Amino acid sequence: IAEVKRVLSVLDGAVLVISAVEGV
C-alpha cells in the first residue's frame, strides 16, 4: 500500500531529524 510506505518514509525522516538534533 502506497500510504503505508509514505507513513514509514515520514517516520524514518523524522527519526533521522531527531537523531541529528540530539547528536548536536
C-alpha atoms as a PDB file:
ATOM      1  CA  ILE A   1       0.000   0.000   0.000  1.00  0.00           C
ATOM      2  CA  ALA A   2       1.413   3.384  -1.010  1.00  0.00           C
ATOM      3  CA  GLU A   3       0.015   5.071   2.108  1.00  0.00           C
ATOM      4  CA  VAL A   4       1.944   2.711   4.362  1.00  0.00           C
ATOM      5  CA  LYS A   5       5.192   3.393   2.518  1.00  0.00           C
ATOM      6  CA  ARG A   6       4.519   7.119   2.756  1.00  0.00           C
ATOM      7  CA  VAL A   7       3.976   6.914   6.518  1.00  0.00           C
ATOM      8  CA  LEU A   8       7.105   4.828   7.012  1.00  0.00           C
ATOM      9  CA  SER A   9       9.105   7.307   4.938  1.00  0.00           C
ATOM     10  CA  VAL A  10       7.849  10.214   7.045  1.00  0.00           C
ATOM     11  CA  LEU A  11       8.607   8.391  10.293  1.00  0.00           C
ATOM     12  CA  ASP A  12      12.074   7.426   9.050  1.00  0.00           C
ATOM     13  CA  GLY A  13      12.762  11.031   8.089  1.00  0.00           C
ATOM     14  CA  ALA A  14      11.555  12.230  11.494  1.00  0.00           C
ATOM     15  CA  VAL A  15      13.855   9.742  13.234  1.00  0.00           C
ATOM     16  CA  LEU A  16      16.817  10.999  11.195  1.00  0.00           C
ATOM     17  CA  VAL A  17      15.998  14.610  12.081  1.00  0.00           C
ATOM     18  CA  ILE A  18      15.602  13.796  15.776  1.00  0.00           C
ATOM     19  CA  SER A  19      18.862  11.837  15.759  1.00  0.00           C
ATOM     20  CA  ALA A  20      20.656  14.748  14.095  1.00  0.00           C
ATOM     21  CA  VAL A  21      19.254  17.239  16.624  1.00  0.00           C
ATOM     22  CA  GLU A  22      20.148  15.057  19.598  1.00  0.00           C
ATOM     23  CA  GLY A  23      23.604  14.481  18.132  1.00  0.00           C
ATOM     24  CA  VAL A  24      24.347  18.208  18.193  1.00  0.00           C
END
